Amino acid sequence: MMVRLVPIVGIGSGKTPIVGAISRKGNVVWFNFFLVGFTGLLAVIGAGQCYLIFRTLKATEIAADAAKGALIATARPRIIVRKVEAIFQMPPNRSVSAQFAITNVGGSRTVLIERNAILDTSYRQRGNPFPKYVGSAASNEHWLESGEPLYATANFADPRTDPSEENIRSGASPLFLFGFVRYRDEAGTVREMGFGRQFDPKANRFRPLNDPEVEYGD
């Protein structure tokens, strides 16, 4: 007698083959893995884009700050001293003085709130060669437009130390000019510049001193 084997195609519902159920379950697992990987890739790409955006914004901010600083530096007032000349009076007075131009080379006007200059025959104390409040001092406020000069004069604090023109031109008696200018811009910022010069009798002109403590900008 022959016996025919009938394959069992389902359990429970009697409709779903076991092989097909296992196959679909495996596809779902791999699809979940794919979603996780794809989501991670999107996260990495998004993080990279955020980093690039941050770098771009930072670079833009730095460039804007630099442009703003350049604009402020150009627009603000800036005081320099130029056209320094020695003045030798004719006899019988024969006093010695120096004339110079306080010039605003900045881009906006300013008010000079204090200025002082003095002549001396010695350079005694490096960094503090002259008493700041002795000499041709002026503390009255004076407005100075952009590009405008103000001519000032410096004398010896003690007339008894006033040397003769012959001694100065021969080099026997050196001649120094020291001074400072304090000024305020329209925003209320107060700045100060200092200047120090030595008369060169051969060139008949004043030359800047190589001392940043007396020859300094703001």
C-alpha atoms as a PDB file:
ATOM      1  CA  MET A   1       0.000   0.000   0.000  1.00  0.00           C
ATOM      2  CA  MET A   2       1.360   3.455  -0.954  1.00  0.00           C
ATOM      3  CA  VAL A   3       1.156   6.476   1.390  1.00  0.00           C
ATOM      4  CA  ARG A   4       1.236  10.080  -0.029  1.00  0.00           C
ATOM      5  CA  LEU A   5       2.801  12.766   2.152  1.00  0.00           C
ATOM      6  CA  VAL A   6       0.959  16.086   2.144  1.00  0.00           C
ATOM      7  CA  PRO A   7       3.107  19.166   3.088  1.00  0.00           C
ATOM      8  CA  ILE A   8       1.871  21.344   5.900  1.00  0.00           C
ATOM      9  CA  VAL A   9       1.548  24.879   4.537  1.00  0.00           C
ATOM     10  CA  GLY A  10       0.301  26.791   7.541  1.00  0.00           C
ATOM     11  CA  ILE A  11      -0.237  26.745  11.243  1.00  0.00           C
ATOM     12  CA  GLY A  12      -2.988  28.502  13.109  1.00  0.00           C
ATOM     13  CA  SER A  13      -4.713  30.547  10.396  1.00  0.00           C
ATOM     14  CA  GLY A  14      -4.243  27.920   7.777  1.00  0.00           C
ATOM     15  CA  LYS A  15      -3.579  30.694   5.159  1.00  0.00           C
ATOM     16  CA  THR A  16       0.002  32.001   5.607  1.00  0.00           C
ATOM     17  CA  PRO A  17       2.878  29.787   4.571  1.00  0.00           C
ATOM     18  CA  ILE A  18       5.658  29.554   7.142  1.00  0.00           C
ATOM     19  CA  VAL A  19       8.383  30.231   4.565  1.00  0.00           C
ATOM     20  CA  GLY A  20       6.623  33.370   3.306  1.00  0.00           C
ATOM     21  CA  ALA A  21       6.142  34.723   6.850  1.00  0.00           C
ATOM     22  CA  ILE A  22       9.815  34.286   7.664  1.00  0.00           C
ATOM     23  CA  SER A  23      10.828  35.943   4.402  1.00  0.00           C
ATOM     24  CA  ARG A  24       8.645  39.007   4.995  1.00  0.00           C
ATOM     25  CA  LYS A  25       9.921  39.326   8.569  1.00  0.00           C
ATOM     26  CA  GLY A  26      13.510  39.354   7.304  1.00  0.00           C
ATOM     27  CA  ASN A  27      12.687  42.074   4.785  1.00  0.00           C
ATOM     28  CA  VAL A  28      11.209  44.237   7.532  1.00  0.00           C
ATOM     29  CA  VAL A  29      14.364  43.879   9.642  1.00  0.00           C
ATOM     30  CA  TRP A  30      16.632  44.852   6.758  1.00  0.00           C
ATOM     31  CA  PHE A  31      14.360  47.777   5.889  1.00  0.00           C
ATOM     32  CA  ASN A  32      14.604  49.017   9.495  1.00  0.00           C
ATOM     33  CA  PHE A  33      18.384  48.771   9.319  1.00  0.00           C
ATOM     34  CA  PHE A  34      18.296  50.770   6.097  1.00  0.00           C
ATOM     35  CA  LEU A  35      16.133  53.483   7.691  1.00  0.00           C
ATOM     36  CA  VAL A  36      18.465  53.758  10.692  1.00  0.00           C
ATOM     37  CA  GLY A  37      21.517  54.029   8.451  1.00  0.00           C
ATOM     38  CA  PHE A  38      19.892  56.542   6.138  1.00  0.00           C
ATOM     39  CA  THR A  39      18.744  58.650   9.096  1.00  0.00           C
ATOM     40  CA  GLY A  40      22.276  58.612  10.514  1.00  0.00           C
ATOM     41  CA  LEU A  41      23.675  59.687   7.161  1.00  0.00           C
ATOM     42  CA  LEU A  42      21.207  62.580   7.022  1.00  0.00           C
ATOM     43  CA  ALA A  43      22.222  63.585  10.541  1.00  0.00           C
ATOM     44  CA  VAL A  44      25.911  63.629   9.554  1.00  0.00           C
ATOM     45  CA  ILE A  45      25.168  65.675   6.439  1.00  0.00           C
ATOM     46  CA  GLY A  46      23.020  68.090   8.456  1.00  0.00           C
ATOM     47  CA  ALA A  47      25.743  68.497  11.077  1.00  0.00           C
ATOM     48  CA  GLY A  48      28.282  69.204   8.337  1.00  0.00           C
ATOM     49  CA  GLN A  49      26.020  71.808   6.787  1.00  0.00           C
ATOM     50  CA  CYS A  50      25.454  73.463  10.172  1.00  0.00           C
ATOM     51  CA  TYR A  51      29.223  73.581  10.718  1.00  0.00           C
ATOM     52  CA  LEU A  52      29.778  75.173   7.304  1.00  0.00           C
ATOM     53  CA  ILE A  53      27.018  77.708   7.969  1.00  0.00           C
ATOM     54  CA  PHE A  54      28.564  78.535  11.363  1.00  0.00           C
ATOM     55  CA  ARG A  55      31.996  78.992   9.782  1.00  0.00           C
ATOM     56  CA  THR A  56      30.519  81.213   7.076  1.00  0.00           C
ATOM     57  CA  LEU A  57      28.662  83.344   9.615  1.00  0.00           C
ATOM     58  CA  LYS A  58      31.790  83.614  11.770  1.00  0.00           C
ATOM     59  CA  ALA A  59      33.895  84.700   8.788  1.00  0.00           C
ATOM     60  CA  THR A  60      31.210  87.228   7.826  1.00  0.00           C
ATOM     61  CA  GLU A  61      31.145  88.567  11.387  1.00  0.00           C
ATOM     62  CA  ILE A  62      34.941  88.921  11.460  1.00  0.00           C
ATOM     63  CA  ALA A  63      34.922  90.718   8.104  1.00  0.00           C
ATOM     64  CA  ALA A  64      32.140  93.035   9.306  1.00  0.00           C
ATOM     65  CA  ASP A  65      34.054  93.834  12.508  1.00  0.00           C
ATOM     66  CA  ALA A  66      37.195  94.562  10.495  1.00  0.00           C
ATOM     67  CA  ALA A  67      35.272  96.851   8.154  1.00  0.00           C
ATOM     68  CA  LYS A  68      33.662  98.591  11.118  1.00  0.00           C
ATOM     69  CA  GLY A  69      37.058  99.048  12.789  1.00  0.00           C
ATOM     70  CA  ALA A  70      38.536 100.456   9.590  1.00  0.00           C
ATOM     71  CA  LEU A  71      35.603 102.845   9.241  1.00  0.00           C
ATOM     72  CA  ILE A  72      35.948 104.013  12.834  1.00  0.00           C
ATOM     73  CA  ALA A  73      39.710 104.455  12.434  1.00  0.00           C
ATOM     74  CA  THR A  74      39.154 106.480   9.267  1.00  0.00           C
ATOM     75  CA  ALA A  75      36.258 108.549  10.568  1.00  0.00           C
ATOM     76  CA  ARG A  76      37.616 109.402  14.010  1.00  0.00           C
ATOM     77  CA  PRO A  77      39.802 112.476  14.583  1.00  0.00           C
ATOM     78  CA  ARG A  78      43.574 112.072  14.813  1.00  0.00           C
ATOM     79  CA  ILE A  79      45.987 114.735  15.984  1.00  0.00           C
ATOM     80  CA  ILE A  80      49.577 115.084  14.816  1.00  0.00           C
ATOM     81  CA  VAL A  81      52.184 117.833  15.213  1.00  0.00           C
ATOM     82  CA  ARG A  82      53.917 119.099  12.090  1.00  0.00           C
ATOM     83  CA  LYS A  83      55.761 122.124  10.686  1.00  0.00           C
ATOM     84  CA  VAL A  84      57.918 122.576  13.791  1.00  0.00           C
ATOM     85  CA  GLU A  85      60.204 125.599  13.413  1.00  0.00           C
ATOM     86  CA  ALA A  86      62.669 127.356  15.671  1.00  0.00           C
ATOM     87  CA  ILE A  87      62.113 131.105  16.016  1.00  0.00           C
ATOM     88  CA  PHE A  88      65.114 133.253  16.869  1.00  0.00           C
ATOM     89  CA  GLN A  89      64.245 136.803  17.817  1.00  0.00           C
ATOM     90  CA  MET A  90      66.361 139.688  16.673  1.00  0.00           C
ATOM     91  CA  PRO A  91      68.453 141.715  19.200  1.00  0.00           C
ATOM     92  CA  PRO A  92      68.029 143.064  21.776  1.00  0.00           C
ATOM     93  CA  ASN A  93      65.394 140.531  22.806  1.00  0.00           C
ATOM     94  CA  ARG A  94      67.095 137.463  21.298  1.00  0.00           C
ATOM     95  CA  SER A  95      64.620 135.052  22.921  1.00  0.00           C
ATOM     96  CA  VAL A  96      64.168 131.593  21.433  1.00  0.00           C
ATOM     97  CA  SER A  97      60.815 129.943  20.779  1.00  0.00           C
ATOM     98  CA  ALA A  98      59.340 127.201  18.613  1.00  0.00           C
ATOM     99  CA  GLN A  99      56.249 127.300  16.439  1.00  0.00           C
ATOM    100  CA  PHE A 100      54.325 124.225  15.349  1.00  0.00           C
ATOM    101  CA  ALA A 101      50.998 123.204  13.852  1.00  0.00           C
ATOM    102  CA  ILE A 102      48.584 120.949  15.756  1.00  0.00           C
ATOM    103  CA  THR A 103      46.737 119.329  12.858  1.00  0.00           C
ATOM    104  CA  ASN A 104      43.661 117.115  12.756  1.00  0.00           C
ATOM    105  CA  VAL A 105      44.332 114.552  10.029  1.00  0.00           C
ATOM    106  CA  GLY A 106      41.334 112.393  10.979  1.00  0.00           C
ATOM    107  CA  GLY A 107      37.957 112.131   9.328  1.00  0.00           C
ATOM    108  CA  SER A 108      35.878 114.117  11.816  1.00  0.00           C
ATOM    109  CA  ARG A 109      36.213 117.192  13.941  1.00  0.00           C
ATOM    110  CA  THR A 110      37.489 117.213  17.507  1.00  0.00           C
ATOM    111  CA  VAL A 111      37.843 119.555  20.445  1.00  0.00           C
ATOM    112  CA  LEU A 112      41.264 120.215  21.963  1.00  0.00           C
ATOM    113  CA  ILE A 113      40.750 120.142  25.712  1.00  0.00           C
ATOM    114  CA  GLU A 114      44.374 120.548  26.799  1.00  0.00           C
ATOM    115  CA  ARG A 115      47.693 121.219  25.096  1.00  0.00           C
ATOM    116  CA  ASN A 116      51.114 121.937  26.480  1.00  0.00           C
ATOM    117  CA  ALA A 117      54.560 122.501  25.008  1.00  0.00           C
ATOM    118  CA  ILE A 118      57.891 123.548  26.456  1.00  0.00           C
ATOM    119  CA  LEU A 119      61.450 124.167  25.296  1.00  0.00           C
ATOM    120  CA  ASP A 120      64.450 122.901  27.214  1.00  0.00           C
ATOM    121  CA  THR A 121      68.194 122.566  26.746  1.00  0.00           C
ATOM    122  CA  SER A 122      68.500 119.159  28.390  1.00  0.00           C
ATOM    123  CA  TYR A 123      66.869 115.775  28.223  1.00  0.00           C
ATOM    124  CA  ARG A 124      67.119 114.912  31.899  1.00  0.00           C
ATOM    125  CA  GLN A 125      64.500 112.322  32.704  1.00  0.00           C
ATOM    126  CA  ARG A 126      63.806 109.737  30.052  1.00  0.00           C
ATOM    127  CA  GLY A 127      60.083 109.155  29.780  1.00  0.00           C
ATOM    128  CA  ASN A 128      59.163 112.272  31.743  1.00  0.00           C
ATOM    129  CA  PRO A 129      61.452 115.033  30.482  1.00  0.00           C
ATOM    130  CA  PHE A 130      59.192 117.971  31.193  1.00  0.00           C
ATOM    131  CA  PRO A 131      56.605 118.990  33.804  1.00  0.00           C
ATOM    132  CA  LYS A 132      53.252 118.588  32.086  1.00  0.00           C
ATOM    133  CA  TYR A 133      51.642 121.635  33.602  1.00  0.00           C
ATOM    134  CA  VAL A 134      54.528 124.059  33.154  1.00  0.00           C
ATOM    135  CA  GLY A 135      55.248 125.757  29.857  1.00  0.00           C
ATOM    136  CA  SER A 136      52.972 127.092  27.140  1.00  0.00           C
ATOM    137  CA  ALA A 137      49.910 125.356  28.563  1.00  0.00           C
ATOM    138  CA  ALA A 138      46.361 125.943  27.360  1.00  0.00           C
ATOM    139  CA  SER A 139      43.290 124.166  28.698  1.00  0.00           C
ATOM    140  CA  ASN A 140      40.588 126.123  26.859  1.00  0.00           C
ATOM    141  CA  GLU A 141      38.453 124.020  24.554  1.00  0.00           C
ATOM    142  CA  HIS A 142      39.114 124.643  20.883  1.00  0.00           C
ATOM    143  CA  TRP A 143      37.232 122.919  18.059  1.00  0.00           C
ATOM    144  CA  LEU A 144      39.386 121.647  15.220  1.00  0.00           C
ATOM    145  CA  GLU A 145      37.789 120.517  11.976  1.00  0.00           C
ATOM    146  CA  SER A 146      39.142 117.658   9.875  1.00  0.00           C
ATOM    147  CA  GLY A 147      42.261 118.850   8.018  1.00  0.00           C
ATOM    148  CA  GLU A 148      42.446 122.088  10.021  1.00  0.00           C
ATOM    149  CA  PRO A 149      45.674 123.182  11.793  1.00  0.00           C
ATOM    150  CA  LEU A 150      46.083 125.219  14.953  1.00  0.00           C
ATOM    151  CA  TYR A 151      49.413 127.037  15.254  1.00  0.00           C
ATOM    152  CA  ALA A 152      50.958 127.115  18.705  1.00  0.00           C
ATOM    153  CA  THR A 153      54.150 128.408  20.270  1.00  0.00           C
ATOM    154  CA  ALA A 154      56.467 126.934  22.883  1.00  0.00           C
ATOM    155  CA  ASN A 155      58.903 128.852  25.074  1.00  0.00           C
ATOM    156  CA  PHE A 156      61.344 128.148  27.858  1.00  0.00           C
ATOM    157  CA  ALA A 157      59.693 127.728  31.243  1.00  0.00           C
ATOM    158  CA  ASP A 158      62.530 129.651  32.876  1.00  0.00           C
ATOM    159  CA  PRO A 159      63.770 132.630  30.820  1.00  0.00           C
ATOM    160  CA  ARG A 160      67.136 132.364  32.537  1.00  0.00           C
ATOM    161  CA  THR A 161      67.753 129.085  30.710  1.00  0.00           C
ATOM    162  CA  ASP A 162      67.059 130.664  27.329  1.00  0.00           C
ATOM    163  CA  PRO A 163      70.283 130.052  25.340  1.00  0.00           C
ATOM    164  CA  SER A 164      71.647 132.287  22.645  1.00  0.00           C
ATOM    165  CA  GLU A 165      71.132 131.560  18.972  1.00  0.00           C
ATOM    166  CA  GLU A 166      74.888 131.250  18.515  1.00  0.00           C
ATOM    167  CA  ASN A 167      75.135 128.480  21.117  1.00  0.00           C
ATOM    168  CA  ILE A 168      72.205 126.601  19.588  1.00  0.00           C
ATOM    169  CA  ARG A 169      73.445 126.833  16.016  1.00  0.00           C
ATOM    170  CA  SER A 170      76.967 125.850  16.999  1.00  0.00           C
ATOM    171  CA  GLY A 171      75.683 122.801  18.845  1.00  0.00           C
ATOM    172  CA  ALA A 172      77.083 123.963  22.180  1.00  0.00           C
ATOM    173  CA  SER A 173      73.562 124.185  23.603  1.00  0.00           C
ATOM    174  CA  PRO A 174      71.008 121.545  22.476  1.00  0.00           C
ATOM    175  CA  LEU A 175      67.399 122.554  21.988  1.00  0.00           C
ATOM    176  CA  PHE A 176      64.503 120.230  22.801  1.00  0.00           C
ATOM    177  CA  LEU A 177      60.764 120.625  22.306  1.00  0.00           C
ATOM    178  CA  PHE A 178      58.372 118.508  24.394  1.00  0.00           C
ATOM    179  CA  GLY A 179      54.613 118.552  24.513  1.00  0.00           C
ATOM    180  CA  PHE A 180      51.300 116.750  24.486  1.00  0.00           C
ATOM    181  CA  VAL A 181      47.773 117.329  23.202  1.00  0.00           C
ATOM    182  CA  ARG A 182      44.643 115.905  24.814  1.00  0.00           C
ATOM    183  CA  TYR A 183      41.486 115.983  22.720  1.00  0.00           C
ATOM    184  CA  ARG A 184      37.928 114.634  22.658  1.00  0.00           C
ATOM    185  CA  ASP A 185      35.869 113.370  19.737  1.00  0.00           C
ATOM    186  CA  GLU A 186      32.147 113.902  19.208  1.00  0.00           C
ATOM    187  CA  ALA A 187      31.374 110.555  20.857  1.00  0.00           C
ATOM    188  CA  GLY A 188      33.057 111.741  24.070  1.00  0.00           C
ATOM    189  CA  THR A 189      36.202 109.594  23.781  1.00  0.00           C
ATOM    190  CA  VAL A 190      39.295 111.385  25.125  1.00  0.00           C
ATOM    191  CA  ARG A 191      42.672 110.673  23.535  1.00  0.00           C
ATOM    192  CA  GLU A 192      46.196 111.978  24.047  1.00  0.00           C
ATOM    193  CA  MET A 193      49.261 112.219  21.835  1.00  0.00           C
ATOM    194  CA  GLY A 194      52.740 113.338  22.812  1.00  0.00           C
ATOM    195  CA  PHE A 195      55.655 114.719  20.846  1.00  0.00           C
ATOM    196  CA  GLY A 196      59.354 115.195  21.426  1.00  0.00           C
ATOM    197  CA  ARG A 197      61.744 116.935  19.043  1.00  0.00           C
ATOM    198  CA  GLN A 198      65.413 117.910  18.998  1.00  0.00           C
ATOM    199  CA  PHE A 199      66.706 120.786  16.926  1.00  0.00           C
ATOM    200  CA  ASP A 200      69.290 119.833  14.310  1.00  0.00           C
ATOM    201  CA  PRO A 201      71.419 122.964  13.699  1.00  0.00           C
ATOM    202  CA  LYS A 202      72.988 121.526  10.526  1.00  0.00           C
ATOM    203  CA  ALA A 203      69.611 120.850   8.909  1.00  0.00           C
ATOM    204  CA  ASN A 204      67.996 123.853  10.627  1.00  0.00           C
ATOM    205  CA  ARG A 205      65.000 121.758  11.634  1.00  0.00           C
ATOM    206  CA  PHE A 206      63.529 119.719  14.492  1.00  0.00           C
ATOM    207  CA  ARG A 207      63.733 115.942  14.308  1.00  0.00           C
ATOM    208  CA  PRO A 208      61.551 113.453  16.246  1.00  0.00           C
ATOM    209  CA  LEU A 209      63.090 111.813  19.305  1.00  0.00           C
ATOM    210  CA  ASN A 210      63.344 108.039  19.296  1.00  0.00           C
ATOM    211  CA  ASP A 211      61.524 107.674  22.592  1.00  0.00           C
ATOM    212  CA  PRO A 212      57.983 106.222  22.582  1.00  0.00           C
ATOM    213  CA  GLU A 213      57.358 107.603  26.067  1.00  0.00           C
ATOM    214  CA  VAL A 214      57.421 111.184  24.762  1.00  0.00           C
ATOM    215  CA  GLU A 215      56.771 110.626  21.052  1.00  0.00           C
ATOM    216  CA  TYR A 216      53.553 108.629  21.016  1.00  0.00           C
ATOM    217  CA  GLY A 217      50.206 108.451  19.273  1.00  0.00           C
ATOM    218  CA  ASP A 218      46.755 107.783  20.629  1.00  0.00           C
END
